[in-house]
PDB file of all heavy atoms in Angstrom:
ATOM      1  N   VAL A   1      90.495  85.217  58.113  1.00  0.00           N
ATOM      2  CA  VAL A   1      89.252  84.354  58.209  1.00  0.00           C
ATOM      3  C   VAL A   1      88.157  85.023  59.059  1.00  0.00           C
ATOM      4  O   VAL A   1      87.096  84.969  58.678  1.00  0.00           O
ATOM      5  CB  VAL A   1      89.581  82.935  58.750  1.00  0.00           C
ATOM      6  CG1 VAL A   1      88.391  82.183  58.971  1.00  0.00           C
ATOM      7  CG2 VAL A   1      90.588  82.290  57.853  1.00  0.00           C
ATOM      8  N   ARG A   2      88.614  85.732  60.121  1.00  0.00           N
ATOM      9  CA  ARG A   2      87.684  86.490  60.847  1.00  0.00           C
ATOM     10  C   ARG A   2      86.916  87.591  60.023  1.00  0.00           C
ATOM     11  O   ARG A   2      85.678  87.663  60.172  1.00  0.00           O
ATOM     12  CB  ARG A   2      88.253  87.129  62.189  1.00  0.00           C
ATOM     13  CG  ARG A   2      87.275  87.746  63.094  1.00  0.00           C
ATOM     14  CD  ARG A   2      87.968  88.515  64.236  1.00  0.00           C
ATOM     15  NE  ARG A   2      86.969  89.136  64.988  1.00  0.00           N
ATOM     16  CZ  ARG A   2      86.396  88.701  66.177  1.00  0.00           C
ATOM     17  NH1 ARG A   2      86.738  87.404  66.454  1.00  0.00           N
ATOM     18  NH2 ARG A   2      85.547  89.374  66.856  1.00  0.00           N
ATOM     19  N   ARG A   3      87.652  88.161  59.116  1.00  0.00           N
ATOM     20  CA  ARG A   3      87.124  89.233  58.226  1.00  0.00           C
ATOM     21  C   ARG A   3      85.991  88.535  57.362  1.00  0.00           C
ATOM     22  O   ARG A   3      84.964  89.184  57.076  1.00  0.00           O
ATOM     23  CB  ARG A   3      88.185  89.814  57.349  1.00  0.00           C
ATOM     24  CG  ARG A   3      87.729  90.870  56.425  1.00  0.00           C
ATOM     25  CD  ARG A   3      88.885  91.667  55.888  1.00  0.00           C
ATOM     26  NE  ARG A   3      89.763  90.761  55.062  1.00  0.00           N
ATOM     27  CZ  ARG A   3      90.960  90.534  55.347  1.00  0.00           C
ATOM     28  NH1 ARG A   3      91.582  91.086  56.375  1.00  0.00           N
ATOM     29  NH2 ARG A   3      91.632  89.678  54.481  1.00  0.00           N
ATOM     30  N   THR A   4      86.263  87.257  56.902  1.00  0.00           N
ATOM     31  CA  THR A   4      85.273  86.667  56.058  1.00  0.00           C
ATOM     32  C   THR A   4      83.953  86.269  56.902  1.00  0.00           C
ATOM     33  O   THR A   4      82.889  86.321  56.368  1.00  0.00           O
ATOM     34  CB  THR A   4      85.793  85.379  55.335  1.00  0.00           C
ATOM     35  OG1 THR A   4      86.003  84.391  56.416  1.00  0.00           O
ATOM     36  CG2 THR A   4      87.028  85.664  54.637  1.00  0.00           C
ATOM     37  N   ILE A   5      84.151  85.934  58.156  1.00  0.00           N
ATOM     38  CA  ILE A   5      83.081  85.590  58.955  1.00  0.00           C
ATOM     39  C   ILE A   5      82.243  86.830  59.294  1.00  0.00           C
ATOM     40  O   ILE A   5      81.027  86.844  59.235  1.00  0.00           O
ATOM     41  CB  ILE A   5      83.609  84.904  60.315  1.00  0.00           C
ATOM     42  CG1 ILE A   5      84.274  83.646  60.063  1.00  0.00           C
ATOM     43  CG2 ILE A   5      82.391  84.631  61.221  1.00  0.00           C
ATOM     44  CD1 ILE A   5      83.493  82.519  59.384  1.00  0.00           C
ATOM     45  N   ALA A   6      82.915  87.979  59.544  1.00  0.00           N
ATOM     46  CA  ALA A   6      82.230  89.172  59.887  1.00  0.00           C
ATOM     47  C   ALA A   6      81.424  89.654  58.580  1.00  0.00           C
ATOM     48  O   ALA A   6      80.376  90.182  58.737  1.00  0.00           O
ATOM     49  CB  ALA A   6      83.364  90.219  60.182  1.00  0.00           C
ATOM     50  N   GLU A   7      82.038  89.441  57.474  1.00  0.00           N
ATOM     51  CA  GLU A   7      81.351  89.797  56.239  1.00  0.00           C
ATOM     52  C   GLU A   7      80.087  88.994  56.093  1.00  0.00           C
ATOM     53  O   GLU A   7      79.001  89.479  55.723  1.00  0.00           O
ATOM     54  CB  GLU A   7      82.269  89.642  55.022  1.00  0.00           C
ATOM     55  CG  GLU A   7      81.617  89.831  53.591  1.00  0.00           C
ATOM     56  CD  GLU A   7      81.187  91.311  53.514  1.00  0.00           C
ATOM     57  OE1 GLU A   7      81.826  92.239  54.029  1.00  0.00           O
ATOM     58  OE2 GLU A   7      80.262  91.579  52.621  1.00  0.00           O
ATOM     59  N   ALA A   8      80.170  87.723  56.448  1.00  0.00           N
ATOM     60  CA  ALA A   8      79.037  86.788  56.203  1.00  0.00           C
ATOM     61  C   ALA A   8      77.877  87.071  57.259  1.00  0.00           C
ATOM     62  O   ALA A   8      76.843  86.890  57.021  1.00  0.00           O
ATOM     63  CB  ALA A   8      79.550  85.328  56.308  1.00  0.00           C
ATOM     64  N   LEU A   9      78.361  87.562  58.379  1.00  0.00           N
ATOM     65  CA  LEU A   9      77.331  87.828  59.468  1.00  0.00           C
ATOM     66  C   LEU A   9      76.912  89.297  59.440  1.00  0.00           C
ATOM     67  O   LEU A   9      76.391  89.817  60.515  1.00  0.00           O
ATOM     68  CB  LEU A   9      77.956  87.516  60.858  1.00  0.00           C
ATOM     69  CG  LEU A   9      78.335  86.037  61.062  1.00  0.00           C
ATOM     70  CD1 LEU A   9      79.021  85.866  62.438  1.00  0.00           C
ATOM     71  CD2 LEU A   9      76.979  85.223  61.043  1.00  0.00           C
ATOM     72  N   LYS A  10      76.903  89.977  58.349  1.00  0.00           N
ATOM     73  CA  LYS A  10      76.566  91.303  58.274  1.00  0.00           C
ATOM     74  C   LYS A  10      74.982  91.479  58.471  1.00  0.00           C
ATOM     75  O   LYS A  10      74.270  90.456  58.202  1.00  0.00           O
ATOM     76  CB  LYS A  10      76.838  91.980  56.949  1.00  0.00           C
ATOM     77  CG  LYS A  10      78.284  92.582  56.846  1.00  0.00           C
ATOM     78  CD  LYS A  10      78.578  93.294  55.525  1.00  0.00           C
ATOM     79  CE  LYS A  10      79.880  94.009  55.502  1.00  0.00           C
ATOM     80  NZ  LYS A  10      80.046  94.741  54.229  1.00  0.00           N
ATOM     81  N   PRO A  11      74.416  92.497  58.903  1.00  0.00           N
ATOM     82  CA  PRO A  11      73.107  92.669  59.211  1.00  0.00           C
ATOM     83  C   PRO A  11      72.224  92.197  58.116  1.00  0.00           C
ATOM     84  O   PRO A  11      71.107  91.678  58.303  1.00  0.00           O
ATOM     85  CB  PRO A  11      72.817  94.145  59.562  1.00  0.00           C
ATOM     86  CG  PRO A  11      74.118  94.555  60.083  1.00  0.00           C
ATOM     87  CD  PRO A  11      75.213  93.783  59.373  1.00  0.00           C
ATOM     88  N   LYS A  12      72.548  92.436  56.763  1.00  0.00           N
ATOM     89  CA  LYS A  12      71.627  92.025  55.713  1.00  0.00           C
ATOM     90  C   LYS A  12      71.379  90.546  55.641  1.00  0.00           C
ATOM     91  O   LYS A  12      70.326  90.109  55.150  1.00  0.00           O
ATOM     92  CB  LYS A  12      72.219  92.582  54.419  1.00  0.00           C
ATOM     93  CG  LYS A  12      73.543  91.763  54.019  1.00  0.00           C
ATOM     94  CD  LYS A  12      73.974  92.211  52.528  1.00  0.00           C
ATOM     95  CE  LYS A  12      75.200  91.481  52.240  1.00  0.00           C
ATOM     96  NZ  LYS A  12      75.688  91.943  50.885  1.00  0.00           N
ATOM     97  N   ASN A  13      72.377  89.760  56.213  1.00  0.00           N
ATOM     98  CA  ASN A  13      72.221  88.312  56.179  1.00  0.00           C
ATOM     99  C   ASN A  13      71.576  87.820  57.503  1.00  0.00           C
ATOM    100  O   ASN A  13      71.055  86.728  57.498  1.00  0.00           O
ATOM    101  CB  ASN A  13      73.637  87.696  56.073  1.00  0.00           C
ATOM    102  CG  ASN A  13      74.254  87.963  54.745  1.00  0.00           C
ATOM    103  OD1 ASN A  13      73.625  88.037  53.661  1.00  0.00           O
ATOM    104  ND2 ASN A  13      75.488  88.076  54.670  1.00  0.00           N
ATOM    105  N   ILE A  14      71.668  88.683  58.503  1.00  0.00           N
ATOM    106  CA  ILE A  14      71.120  88.308  59.890  1.00  0.00           C
ATOM    107  C   ILE A  14      69.684  88.672  60.117  1.00  0.00           C
ATOM    108  O   ILE A  14      68.990  87.886  60.747  1.00  0.00           O
ATOM    109  CB  ILE A  14      72.077  88.957  60.964  1.00  0.00           C
ATOM    110  CG1 ILE A  14      73.516  88.291  60.869  1.00  0.00           C
ATOM    111  CG2 ILE A  14      71.435  88.611  62.385  1.00  0.00           C
ATOM    112  CD1 ILE A  14      73.517  86.866  61.096  1.00  0.00           C
ATOM    113  N   GLN A  15      69.344  89.757  59.516  1.00  0.00           N
ATOM    114  CA  GLN A  15      67.947  90.284  59.788  1.00  0.00           C
ATOM    115  C   GLN A  15      66.847  89.316  59.498  1.00  0.00           C
ATOM    116  O   GLN A  15      65.862  89.086  60.200  1.00  0.00           O
ATOM    117  CB  GLN A  15      67.737  91.594  58.997  1.00  0.00           C
ATOM    118  CG  GLN A  15      68.474  92.759  59.720  1.00  0.00           C
ATOM    119  CD  GLN A  15      68.410  93.975  58.795  1.00  0.00           C
ATOM    120  OE1 GLN A  15      68.085  94.014  57.704  1.00  0.00           O
ATOM    121  NE2 GLN A  15      69.152  95.090  59.313  1.00  0.00           N
ATOM    122  N   PRO A  16      66.806  88.650  58.320  1.00  0.00           N
ATOM    123  CA  PRO A  16      65.771  87.690  58.137  1.00  0.00           C
ATOM    124  C   PRO A  16      65.785  86.587  59.150  1.00  0.00           C
ATOM    125  O   PRO A  16      64.709  85.985  59.537  1.00  0.00           O
ATOM    126  CB  PRO A  16      66.105  87.139  56.725  1.00  0.00           C
ATOM    127  CG  PRO A  16      66.968  88.183  56.086  1.00  0.00           C
ATOM    128  CD  PRO A  16      67.749  88.715  57.265  1.00  0.00           C
ATOM    129  N   VAL A  17      66.953  86.173  59.583  1.00  0.00           N
ATOM    130  CA  VAL A  17      67.070  85.081  60.633  1.00  0.00           C
ATOM    131  C   VAL A  17      66.512  85.544  61.961  1.00  0.00           C
ATOM    132  O   VAL A  17      65.977  84.839  62.717  1.00  0.00           O
ATOM    133  CB  VAL A  17      68.564  84.598  60.633  1.00  0.00           C
ATOM    134  CG1 VAL A  17      68.679  83.504  61.767  1.00  0.00           C
ATOM    135  CG2 VAL A  17      68.991  84.135  59.360  1.00  0.00           C
ATOM    136  N   ALA A  18      66.731  86.770  62.263  1.00  0.00           N
ATOM    137  CA  ALA A  18      66.152  87.381  63.507  1.00  0.00           C
ATOM    138  C   ALA A  18      64.696  87.332  63.579  1.00  0.00           C
ATOM    139  O   ALA A  18      64.158  86.924  64.505  1.00  0.00           O
ATOM    140  CB  ALA A  18      66.681  88.735  63.699  1.00  0.00           C
ATOM    141  N   ARG A  19      64.071  87.588  62.400  1.00  0.00           N
ATOM    142  CA  ARG A  19      62.635  87.465  62.381  1.00  0.00           C
ATOM    143  C   ARG A  19      62.257  86.042  62.477  1.00  0.00           C
ATOM    144  O   ARG A  19      61.237  85.683  63.088  1.00  0.00           O
ATOM    145  CB  ARG A  19      62.145  87.996  61.006  1.00  0.00           C
ATOM    146  CG  ARG A  19      62.301  89.544  60.962  1.00  0.00           C
ATOM    147  CD  ARG A  19      61.515  90.132  59.745  1.00  0.00           C
ATOM    148  NE  ARG A  19      62.090  89.768  58.492  1.00  0.00           N
ATOM    149  CZ  ARG A  19      63.131  90.434  57.909  1.00  0.00           C
ATOM    150  NH1 ARG A  19      63.515  91.472  58.490  1.00  0.00           N
ATOM    151  NH2 ARG A  19      63.578  89.974  56.626  1.00  0.00           N
ATOM    152  N   ARG A  20      62.991  85.074  61.831  1.00  0.00           N
ATOM    153  CA  ARG A  20      62.701  83.630  61.932  1.00  0.00           C
ATOM    154  C   ARG A  20      62.832  83.206  63.365  1.00  0.00           C
ATOM    155  O   ARG A  20      62.098  82.364  63.873  1.00  0.00           O
ATOM    156  CB  ARG A  20      63.553  82.868  61.022  1.00  0.00           C
ATOM    157  CG  ARG A  20      63.408  81.365  61.134  1.00  0.00           C
ATOM    158  CD  ARG A  20      62.091  80.860  60.884  1.00  0.00           C
ATOM    159  NE  ARG A  20      61.940  79.480  61.268  1.00  0.00           N
ATOM    160  CZ  ARG A  20      60.751  79.004  61.656  1.00  0.00           C
ATOM    161  NH1 ARG A  20      59.610  79.742  61.724  1.00  0.00           N
ATOM    162  NH2 ARG A  20      60.618  77.678  61.922  1.00  0.00           N
ATOM    163  N   LEU A  21      63.848  83.817  64.091  1.00  0.00           N
ATOM    164  CA  LEU A  21      64.099  83.394  65.443  1.00  0.00           C
ATOM    165  C   LEU A  21      62.817  83.696  66.353  1.00  0.00           C
ATOM    166  O   LEU A  21      62.417  82.896  67.131  1.00  0.00           O
ATOM    167  CB  LEU A  21      65.302  84.022  66.022  1.00  0.00           C
ATOM    168  CG  LEU A  21      65.571  84.063  67.516  1.00  0.00           C
ATOM    169  CD1 LEU A  21      65.774  82.599  67.900  1.00  0.00           C
ATOM    170  CD2 LEU A  21      66.791  84.875  67.965  1.00  0.00           C
ATOM    171  N   GLU A  22      62.217  84.856  66.237  1.00  0.00           N
ATOM    172  CA  GLU A  22      61.124  85.312  67.068  1.00  0.00           C
ATOM    173  C   GLU A  22      59.971  84.296  66.698  1.00  0.00           C
ATOM    174  O   GLU A  22      59.284  83.791  67.616  1.00  0.00           O
ATOM    175  CB  GLU A  22      60.718  86.655  66.733  1.00  0.00           C
ATOM    176  CG  GLU A  22      61.699  87.661  67.221  1.00  0.00           C
ATOM    177  CD  GLU A  22      61.408  89.077  66.826  1.00  0.00           C
ATOM    178  OE1 GLU A  22      60.542  89.175  66.028  1.00  0.00           O
ATOM    179  OE2 GLU A  22      61.934  90.102  67.498  1.00  0.00           O
ATOM    180  N   ALA A  23      59.836  84.021  65.427  1.00  0.00           N
ATOM    181  CA  ALA A  23      58.658  83.123  65.023  1.00  0.00           C
ATOM    182  C   ALA A  23      58.823  81.716  65.518  1.00  0.00           C
ATOM    183  O   ALA A  23      57.896  81.019  66.066  1.00  0.00           O
ATOM    184  CB  ALA A  23      58.489  83.113  63.519  1.00  0.00           C
ATOM    185  N   PHE A  24      60.116  81.219  65.438  1.00  0.00           N
ATOM    186  CA  PHE A  24      60.365  79.793  65.925  1.00  0.00           C
ATOM    187  C   PHE A  24      60.126  79.659  67.344  1.00  0.00           C
ATOM    188  O   PHE A  24      59.605  78.802  67.841  1.00  0.00           O
ATOM    189  CB  PHE A  24      61.813  79.493  65.504  1.00  0.00           C
ATOM    190  CG  PHE A  24      62.178  78.040  65.873  1.00  0.00           C
ATOM    191  CD1 PHE A  24      61.782  76.971  65.151  1.00  0.00           C
ATOM    192  CD2 PHE A  24      62.972  77.794  67.021  1.00  0.00           C
ATOM    193  CE1 PHE A  24      62.075  75.627  65.397  1.00  0.00           C
ATOM    194  CE2 PHE A  24      63.301  76.508  67.395  1.00  0.00           C
ATOM    195  CZ  PHE A  24      62.864  75.452  66.598  1.00  0.00           C
ATOM    196  N   VAL A  25      60.698  80.640  68.134  1.00  0.00           N
ATOM    197  CA  VAL A  25      60.540  80.645  69.602  1.00  0.00           C
ATOM    198  C   VAL A  25      59.067  80.604  69.930  1.00  0.00           C
ATOM    199  O   VAL A  25      58.547  79.876  70.800  1.00  0.00           O
ATOM    200  CB  VAL A  25      61.236  81.798  70.334  1.00  0.00           C
ATOM    201  CG1 VAL A  25      60.801  81.999  71.774  1.00  0.00           C
ATOM    202  CG2 VAL A  25      62.772  81.574  70.225  1.00  0.00           C
ATOM    203  N   ALA A  26      58.218  81.538  69.308  1.00  0.00           N
ATOM    204  CA  ALA A  26      56.816  81.521  69.602  1.00  0.00           C
ATOM    205  C   ALA A  26      56.178  80.171  69.283  1.00  0.00           C
ATOM    206  O   ALA A  26      55.266  79.645  70.018  1.00  0.00           O
ATOM    207  CB  ALA A  26      56.192  82.623  68.674  1.00  0.00           C
ATOM    208  N   GLU A  27      56.638  79.512  68.171  1.00  0.00           N
ATOM    209  CA  GLU A  27      56.053  78.249  67.830  1.00  0.00           C
ATOM    210  C   GLU A  27      56.446  77.216  68.902  1.00  0.00           C
ATOM    211  O   GLU A  27      55.485  76.384  69.276  1.00  0.00           O
ATOM    212  CB  GLU A  27      56.556  77.759  66.452  1.00  0.00           C
ATOM    213  CG  GLU A  27      56.068  78.549  65.273  1.00  0.00           C
ATOM    214  CD  GLU A  27      56.936  78.288  64.030  1.00  0.00           C
ATOM    215  OE1 GLU A  27      57.893  77.483  64.050  1.00  0.00           O
ATOM    216  OE2 GLU A  27      56.839  79.168  63.032  1.00  0.00           O
ATOM    217  N   ARG A  28      57.703  77.167  69.328  1.00  0.00           N
ATOM    218  CA  ARG A  28      58.058  76.222  70.340  1.00  0.00           C
ATOM    219  C   ARG A  28      57.365  76.328  71.621  1.00  0.00           C
ATOM    220  O   ARG A  28      57.038  75.450  72.270  1.00  0.00           O
ATOM    221  CB  ARG A  28      59.580  76.328  70.513  1.00  0.00           C
ATOM    222  CG  ARG A  28      60.432  75.512  69.465  1.00  0.00           C
ATOM    223  CD  ARG A  28      60.321  74.030  69.562  1.00  0.00           C
ATOM    224  NE  ARG A  28      60.710  73.368  68.444  1.00  0.00           N
ATOM    225  CZ  ARG A  28      61.245  72.054  68.516  1.00  0.00           C
ATOM    226  NH1 ARG A  28      61.468  71.553  69.714  1.00  0.00           N
ATOM    227  NH2 ARG A  28      61.622  71.449  67.397  1.00  0.00           N
TER     228      ARG A  28
END
């Protein structure tokens, strides 16, 4: 199961969220 989580959290899936994080924090 950890392998499936690690696969899901690969950089290709996280990078767009990181950009959203910076924008959301700035908005807040």
